[in-house]
Amino acid sequence: MGQTKKRHYDRYTLEFKEQAVRLADHPNVTAMDIADSLGIHVVMLYRWRMELKNGTLRENKHMKKSNAPPKKQKPRTDPTKAKEDELLAAKKRIKALEHSLSSTQEELDILKKAQRFFEKTKR
């Protein structure tokens, strides 16, 4: 007789479920869009919303506790500083592109001269 394959079910933390429900409760966002972006089925999101409303939303008891370190948050920067940094990066990019353009134009000029030279030698 054949063996049955064990099914793998994704298990989500309580924080993930609550955050998903909060995202789906925004007025201009559909639950289907949130479910697609989180990689879950929309029915699961609706079920979590209903369970949160009823007070029965909980973490899976078989879920392993993760002891992941907290994520480091980037310090908030001044918006004007961010704009200046963005402008500086754009200027650097422009300079690099101009340099690349000038070298490409120089190569093209050399190739045109070579083409004219070889056309003259064929005659």
Protein backbone atom coordinates (compact mmCIF):
# COMPACT_ATOMS: atom_id res chain seq x y z
CA MET A 1 0.00 0.00 0.00
CA GLY A 2 1.10 3.53 -0.68
CA GLN A 3 2.13 5.90 2.02
CA THR A 4 0.38 9.15 2.58
CA LYS A 5 2.48 12.24 2.35
CA LYS A 6 2.58 14.50 5.37
CA ARG A 7 1.17 17.91 4.57
CA HIS A 8 3.09 21.02 5.43
CA TYR A 9 1.01 23.84 6.83
CA ASP A 10 2.35 27.32 7.30
CA ARG A 11 2.08 28.57 10.85
CA TYR A 12 1.84 32.26 11.54
CA THR A 13 2.59 34.19 14.68
CA LEU A 14 -0.09 36.10 16.51
CA GLU A 15 1.66 39.38 15.69
CA PHE A 16 1.63 38.51 11.98
CA LYS A 17 -2.08 37.73 12.09
CA GLU A 18 -2.93 40.94 13.94
CA GLN A 19 -0.84 43.02 11.58
CA ALA A 20 -2.48 41.41 8.55
CA VAL A 21 -5.94 42.19 9.94
CA ARG A 22 -4.91 45.80 10.70
CA LEU A 23 -3.63 46.21 7.14
CA ALA A 24 -6.84 44.79 5.71
CA ASP A 25 -8.95 47.21 7.78
CA HIS A 26 -7.67 50.27 5.92
CA PRO A 27 -10.52 51.87 3.95
CA ASN A 28 -8.83 52.21 0.55
CA VAL A 29 -7.26 48.73 0.49
CA THR A 30 -8.97 45.47 -0.39
CA ALA A 31 -8.43 42.34 1.66
CA MET A 32 -7.56 40.46 -1.53
CA ASP A 33 -4.65 42.84 -2.23
CA ILE A 34 -3.33 42.44 1.31
CA ALA A 35 -3.66 38.65 1.16
CA ASP A 36 -1.83 38.52 -2.18
CA SER A 37 0.99 40.71 -0.92
CA LEU A 38 1.39 38.61 2.24
CA GLY A 39 1.20 35.34 0.34
CA ILE A 40 -1.86 34.00 2.13
CA HIS A 41 -5.33 33.05 0.96
CA VAL A 42 -7.96 35.74 1.32
CA VAL A 43 -10.27 33.36 3.23
CA MET A 44 -7.59 32.95 5.88
CA LEU A 45 -7.44 36.73 6.27
CA TYR A 46 -11.23 36.91 6.62
CA ARG A 47 -11.11 34.14 9.23
CA TRP A 48 -8.44 35.97 11.22
CA ARG A 49 -10.51 39.16 11.04
CA MET A 50 -13.56 37.33 12.38
CA GLU A 51 -11.54 35.62 15.14
CA LEU A 52 -10.02 38.93 16.20
CA LYS A 53 -13.48 40.48 16.34
CA ASN A 54 -14.75 37.58 18.47
CA GLY A 55 -11.63 37.59 20.66
CA THR A 56 -10.61 34.05 19.68
CA LEU A 57 -7.59 34.90 17.54
CA ARG A 58 -4.56 33.13 19.00
CA GLU A 59 -1.20 31.77 18.09
CA ASN A 60 -0.87 28.17 16.98
CA LYS A 61 0.05 26.04 20.01
CA HIS A 62 2.48 24.00 17.90
CA MET A 63 4.33 27.10 16.74
CA LYS A 64 7.95 27.22 17.79
CA LYS A 65 8.93 30.39 19.60
CA SER A 66 11.53 32.33 17.68
CA ASN A 67 14.20 34.15 19.59
CA ALA A 68 15.13 36.41 16.72
CA PRO A 69 16.89 39.61 17.72
CA PRO A 70 14.87 42.79 17.23
CA LYS A 71 15.35 44.51 13.92
CA LYS A 72 17.54 47.56 13.94
CA GLN A 73 15.64 50.64 12.96
CA LYS A 74 17.28 53.25 10.84
CA PRO A 75 17.53 56.58 12.60
CA ARG A 76 15.11 59.09 11.20
CA THR A 77 16.81 61.66 9.08
CA ASP A 78 15.96 65.22 8.33
CA PRO A 79 13.90 65.42 5.09
CA THR A 80 16.12 68.21 3.75
CA LYS A 81 19.22 66.10 4.44
CA ALA A 82 17.62 63.18 2.61
CA LYS A 83 16.87 65.43 -0.38
CA GLU A 84 20.44 66.74 -0.40
CA ASP A 85 21.81 63.18 -0.29
CA GLU A 86 19.51 62.19 -3.12
CA LEU A 87 20.61 65.21 -5.16
CA LEU A 88 24.27 64.42 -4.52
CA ALA A 89 23.78 60.82 -5.63
CA ALA A 90 21.99 62.03 -8.78
CA LYS A 91 24.85 64.43 -9.58
CA LYS A 92 27.38 61.61 -9.19
CA ARG A 93 25.31 59.43 -11.51
CA ILE A 94 25.06 62.22 -14.08
CA LYS A 95 28.83 62.75 -13.98
CA ALA A 96 29.46 59.03 -14.46
CA LEU A 97 27.01 58.90 -17.38
CA GLU A 98 28.61 61.96 -19.01
CA HIS A 99 32.03 60.32 -18.71
CA SER A 100 30.69 57.12 -20.24
CA LEU A 101 29.05 59.08 -23.06
CA SER A 102 32.24 60.97 -23.89
CA SER A 103 34.32 57.78 -24.02
CA THR A 104 31.69 56.10 -26.21
CA GLN A 105 31.66 59.09 -28.57
CA GLU A 106 35.47 58.96 -28.75
CA GLU A 107 35.35 55.26 -29.63
CA LEU A 108 32.74 55.96 -32.29
CA ASP A 109 34.90 58.71 -33.84
CA ILE A 110 37.90 56.35 -33.96
CA LEU A 111 35.81 53.65 -35.65
CA LYS A 112 34.52 56.14 -38.23
CA LYS A 113 38.08 57.22 -39.03
CA ALA A 114 39.16 53.60 -39.34
CA GLN A 115 36.23 52.88 -41.66
CA ARG A 116 37.20 55.81 -43.91
CA PHE A 117 40.83 54.69 -43.91
CA PHE A 118 39.96 51.14 -44.97
CA GLU A 119 37.58 52.40 -47.67
CA LYS A 120 40.41 54.47 -49.15
CA THR A 121 42.84 51.54 -49.14
CA LYS A 122 40.37 49.30 -51.02
CA ARG A 123 40.21 51.72 -53.95
